[in-house]
Amino acid sequence: MPSKKKYNARFAPARIKKIMQTDEEVGKVSAAVPVIISKCLEMFLDSLLNKANYLTLQRNAKTLTVEHLKQVILSDNRYDFLKDLIVNIPDMEEEEDEAQPKKKRRIPGPANGASVSVTS
């Protein structure tokens, strides 16, 4: 008697099945379908995040931001279906702006004559 194989999925197949069945047009779902969708989701995120990480490293940034993700989505036509989600995200600043140090200005402080440095 063949044994059932346990799949190692990063995204819970039971949760995926539950999401799928919220659509009235979806009837019964085979046990393998949520596992396959889980793997597809994992591969999709791996691709998107690796490209965003590469862009982040190219710009010498320390933090991956939504602007980096927007740039990846706009640069690759495979992600065109995500363009509606990034409409309200501001564009990335130019590299020249990032490379220039921010200017400091002095603002008069309290009555004792102290001043405060502000980075703008």
Protein backbone atom coordinates (compact mmCIF):
# COMPACT_ATOMS: atom_id res chain seq x y z
CA MET A 1 0.00 0.00 0.00
CA PRO A 2 1.58 3.31 -1.09
CA SER A 3 2.11 5.85 1.64
CA LYS A 4 1.00 9.45 1.37
CA LYS A 5 3.87 11.80 0.71
CA LYS A 6 4.08 14.82 3.01
CA TYR A 7 4.87 18.00 1.07
CA ASN A 8 7.15 20.61 2.56
CA ALA A 9 5.36 23.85 1.72
CA ARG A 10 6.39 27.30 2.91
CA PHE A 11 2.84 28.62 2.56
CA ALA A 12 0.11 26.63 4.27
CA PRO A 13 -1.81 24.65 1.63
CA ALA A 14 -4.86 24.58 3.91
CA ARG A 15 -4.88 28.39 3.96
CA ILE A 16 -4.48 28.54 0.17
CA LYS A 17 -7.37 26.10 -0.25
CA LYS A 18 -9.52 28.21 2.07
CA ILE A 19 -8.74 31.36 0.06
CA MET A 20 -9.51 29.55 -3.20
CA GLN A 21 -12.85 28.34 -1.91
CA THR A 22 -13.98 31.85 -1.00
CA ASP A 23 -14.65 32.21 -4.74
CA GLU A 24 -18.07 30.80 -5.51
CA GLU A 25 -16.93 29.53 -8.92
CA VAL A 26 -14.34 27.22 -7.36
CA GLY A 27 -15.73 23.80 -6.53
CA LYS A 28 -13.73 20.93 -5.16
CA VAL A 29 -9.97 21.36 -5.03
CA SER A 30 -7.55 18.47 -5.43
CA ALA A 31 -5.04 18.05 -2.61
CA ALA A 32 -2.11 18.73 -4.93
CA VAL A 33 -3.39 22.11 -6.19
CA PRO A 34 -2.73 24.18 -3.03
CA VAL A 35 0.74 22.62 -2.75
CA ILE A 36 1.53 23.58 -6.36
CA ILE A 37 0.20 27.10 -5.82
CA SER A 38 2.33 27.33 -2.68
CA LYS A 39 5.43 26.45 -4.68
CA CYS A 40 4.51 28.93 -7.44
CA LEU A 41 4.02 31.66 -4.86
CA GLU A 42 7.40 30.84 -3.33
CA MET A 43 9.12 31.00 -6.73
CA PHE A 44 7.36 34.27 -7.63
CA LEU A 45 8.41 35.96 -4.38
CA ASP A 46 11.95 34.62 -4.73
CA SER A 47 12.25 36.15 -8.19
CA LEU A 48 10.74 39.50 -7.24
CA LEU A 49 12.74 39.88 -4.04
CA ASN A 50 16.04 38.77 -5.58
CA LYS A 51 15.69 41.44 -8.28
CA ALA A 52 14.74 44.04 -5.68
CA ASN A 53 17.73 43.00 -3.54
CA TYR A 54 20.05 43.36 -6.54
CA LEU A 55 18.70 46.87 -7.20
CA THR A 56 19.10 47.78 -3.53
CA LEU A 57 22.73 46.65 -3.57
CA GLN A 58 23.39 48.53 -6.83
CA ARG A 59 22.23 51.76 -5.21
CA ASN A 60 24.30 51.12 -2.07
CA ALA A 61 21.15 51.25 0.03
CA LYS A 62 20.94 49.42 3.33
CA THR A 63 17.17 48.98 3.34
CA LEU A 64 14.88 47.45 0.74
CA THR A 65 12.03 49.91 0.19
CA VAL A 66 8.75 49.95 -1.72
CA GLU A 67 10.44 52.25 -4.22
CA HIS A 68 12.89 49.45 -5.04
CA LEU A 69 10.00 47.04 -5.57
CA LYS A 70 8.25 49.61 -7.77
CA GLN A 71 11.36 49.95 -9.93
CA VAL A 72 11.57 46.17 -10.37
CA ILE A 73 7.88 45.95 -11.28
CA LEU A 74 8.22 48.72 -13.85
CA SER A 75 11.40 47.29 -15.37
CA ASP A 76 10.15 43.73 -15.99
CA ASN A 77 7.05 43.07 -18.11
CA ARG A 78 6.36 39.83 -16.21
CA TYR A 79 5.20 41.99 -13.31
CA ASP A 80 2.85 44.18 -15.37
CA PHE A 81 -0.16 42.78 -13.49
CA LEU A 82 1.16 44.52 -10.35
CA LYS A 83 1.30 48.01 -11.87
CA ASP A 84 -2.12 48.96 -10.49
CA LEU A 85 -0.80 48.40 -6.98
CA ILE A 86 2.17 50.75 -7.32
CA VAL A 87 0.47 53.79 -8.85
CA ASN A 88 0.54 55.80 -5.60
CA ILE A 89 4.12 54.92 -4.63
CA PRO A 90 6.57 57.78 -5.32
CA ASP A 91 9.39 57.20 -7.80
CA MET A 92 12.92 56.54 -6.62
CA GLU A 93 15.22 59.51 -6.15
CA GLU A 94 17.98 59.89 -8.67
CA GLU A 95 21.36 58.42 -7.78
CA GLU A 96 22.92 61.90 -7.78
CA ASP A 97 20.54 63.02 -5.03
CA GLU A 98 21.43 60.01 -2.90
CA ALA A 99 25.16 60.55 -3.36
CA GLN A 100 25.15 64.20 -2.27
CA PRO A 101 25.38 64.78 1.47
CA LYS A 102 22.46 66.60 3.04
CA LYS A 103 23.05 70.25 3.89
CA LYS A 104 22.99 71.37 7.50
CA ARG A 105 21.46 74.67 8.52
CA ARG A 106 21.52 76.50 11.82
CA ILE A 107 18.31 77.37 13.62
CA PRO A 108 18.43 79.74 16.56
CA GLY A 109 17.84 77.85 19.77
CA PRO A 110 16.59 78.80 23.21
CA ALA A 111 17.23 82.17 24.85
CA ASN A 112 20.70 81.09 26.07
CA GLY A 113 22.07 81.55 22.54
CA ALA A 114 22.55 77.85 21.74
CA SER A 115 21.90 76.75 18.17
CA VAL A 116 20.54 73.54 16.77
CA SER A 117 21.78 71.77 13.62
CA VAL A 118 19.06 70.45 11.35
CA THR A 119 19.66 68.18 8.39
CA SER A 120 17.46 68.91 5.40
